């Protein structure tokens, strides 16, 4: 399956706090109104993945689905993969082979800064 010609690159980085989750969702919701395509959520910049990080990813995925979009998560490290498994969310967030969604080539992707980053 190939990715749509356009998409949204959405970066989640730093330490994800519970207070930041609604801000991240609001930022993604705005981008979903402005642009079509697959949401590519890059989590490579997450400093220390924890339960709140997984909560944020689940919320972002639900938001994307409500808008009829698919979300692909990239930049996933072994700690986040383990955590998703420990929380029993592999069936919800993981595809076969332990990857978060399938990795596809992103074409025409619009980059979005981290909503908590004042410079973003």
Protein backbone atom coordinates (compact mmCIF):
# COMPACT_ATOMS: atom_id res chain seq x y z
CA UNK A 1 0.00 0.00 0.00
CA UNK A 2 1.53 3.36 -0.94
CA UNK A 3 1.20 6.58 0.94
CA UNK A 4 -0.92 9.41 -0.41
CA UNK A 5 0.88 12.13 -2.34
CA UNK A 6 0.41 14.52 0.57
CA UNK A 7 0.62 14.10 4.29
CA UNK A 8 1.35 15.71 7.61
CA UNK A 9 4.63 15.19 9.46
CA UNK A 10 3.90 15.68 13.13
CA UNK A 11 6.88 15.68 15.50
CA UNK A 12 6.51 14.72 19.14
CA UNK A 13 9.67 15.29 21.14
CA UNK A 14 11.21 16.09 24.47
CA UNK A 15 9.47 14.88 27.58
CA UNK A 16 5.77 14.42 26.90
CA UNK A 17 3.74 15.69 29.87
CA UNK A 18 0.08 15.05 30.58
CA UNK A 19 -0.56 18.81 30.22
CA UNK A 20 0.97 18.73 26.71
CA UNK A 21 -1.36 15.99 25.39
CA UNK A 22 -4.35 18.32 24.75
CA UNK A 23 -1.99 20.85 23.11
CA UNK A 24 -0.58 18.19 20.80
CA UNK A 25 -4.10 17.03 19.91
CA UNK A 26 -5.25 20.61 19.23
CA UNK A 27 -2.24 21.21 16.99
CA UNK A 28 -2.88 18.01 15.04
CA UNK A 29 -6.58 18.81 14.73
CA UNK A 30 -5.72 22.14 13.12
CA UNK A 31 -3.35 20.43 10.69
CA UNK A 32 -6.03 17.86 9.83
CA UNK A 33 -8.31 20.73 8.77
CA UNK A 34 -5.59 22.32 6.63
CA UNK A 35 -4.16 19.32 4.81
CA UNK A 36 -5.05 15.87 3.46
CA UNK A 37 -3.13 12.63 3.69
CA UNK A 38 -1.54 10.29 6.16
CA UNK A 39 -0.31 11.60 9.50
CA UNK A 40 3.35 10.69 9.97
CA UNK A 41 4.04 11.02 13.70
CA UNK A 42 7.78 11.17 14.38
CA UNK A 43 8.68 10.26 17.96
CA UNK A 44 12.47 10.08 17.51
CA UNK A 45 12.86 13.21 19.65
CA UNK A 46 11.08 11.79 22.70
CA UNK A 47 13.63 11.87 25.51
CA UNK A 48 12.22 9.22 27.85
CA UNK A 49 9.09 7.40 26.67
CA UNK A 50 6.61 6.64 29.42
CA UNK A 51 2.91 5.94 29.90
CA UNK A 52 2.05 9.56 29.05
CA UNK A 53 3.89 9.19 25.72
CA UNK A 54 1.74 6.16 24.89
CA UNK A 55 -1.36 8.06 26.01
CA UNK A 56 -0.44 10.92 23.68
CA UNK A 57 0.08 8.54 20.74
CA UNK A 58 -3.25 6.85 21.41
CA UNK A 59 -5.01 10.23 21.55
CA UNK A 60 -3.36 11.42 18.35
CA UNK A 61 -4.26 8.16 16.59
CA UNK A 62 -7.91 8.41 17.69
CA UNK A 63 -8.05 12.01 16.49
CA UNK A 64 -6.59 11.07 13.11
CA UNK A 65 -9.09 8.22 12.75
CA UNK A 66 -12.01 10.51 13.64
CA UNK A 67 -10.92 12.62 10.68
CA UNK A 68 -10.72 9.55 8.45
CA UNK A 69 -6.92 9.51 8.41
CA UNK A 70 -4.34 6.86 9.12
CA UNK A 71 -1.37 7.58 11.37
CA UNK A 72 2.08 6.08 10.87
CA UNK A 73 4.50 6.37 13.78
CA UNK A 74 8.21 6.66 12.94
CA UNK A 75 11.39 7.00 14.99
CA UNK A 76 10.25 4.41 17.53
CA UNK A 77 12.99 3.20 19.84
CA UNK A 78 13.18 -0.10 21.71
CA UNK A 79 12.05 1.46 25.00
CA UNK A 80 8.79 2.67 23.49
CA UNK A 81 8.22 -0.67 21.74
CA UNK A 82 8.71 -2.50 25.05
CA UNK A 83 6.43 -0.12 26.92
CA UNK A 84 3.60 -0.51 24.40
CA UNK A 85 3.92 -4.28 24.79
CA UNK A 86 3.94 -4.10 28.60
CA UNK A 87 0.80 -1.97 28.56
CA UNK A 88 -0.96 -4.56 26.40
CA UNK A 89 -1.49 -2.10 23.57
CA UNK A 90 0.39 -3.99 20.88
CA UNK A 91 -2.87 -4.91 19.11
CA UNK A 92 -3.92 -1.26 19.10
CA UNK A 93 -0.66 0.50 18.27
CA UNK A 94 1.61 -2.17 16.78
CA UNK A 95 1.59 -4.02 13.49
CA UNK A 96 3.06 -7.48 13.00
CA UNK A 97 6.83 -7.46 13.42
CA UNK A 98 6.80 -5.00 16.32
CA UNK A 99 6.65 -1.82 14.25
CA UNK A 100 4.24 0.99 14.99
CA UNK A 101 2.11 0.95 11.83
CA UNK A 102 3.83 0.20 8.57
CA UNK A 103 6.72 2.29 7.37
CA UNK A 104 6.01 3.93 4.05
CA UNK A 105 7.75 6.59 2.04
CA UNK A 106 6.31 10.02 2.77
CA UNK A 107 5.71 12.23 -0.23
CA UNK A 108 4.64 15.87 0.01
CA UNK A 109 4.77 15.83 3.80
CA UNK A 110 4.30 19.06 5.74
CA UNK A 111 6.45 19.29 8.84
CA UNK A 112 4.92 20.42 12.12
CA UNK A 113 6.93 21.51 15.16
CA UNK A 114 6.47 20.25 18.67
CA UNK A 115 3.52 22.15 20.19
CA UNK A 116 5.37 22.55 23.48
CA UNK A 117 8.46 24.05 21.88
CA UNK A 118 8.26 27.89 22.02
CA UNK A 119 10.56 28.13 18.97
CA UNK A 120 8.32 25.65 17.02
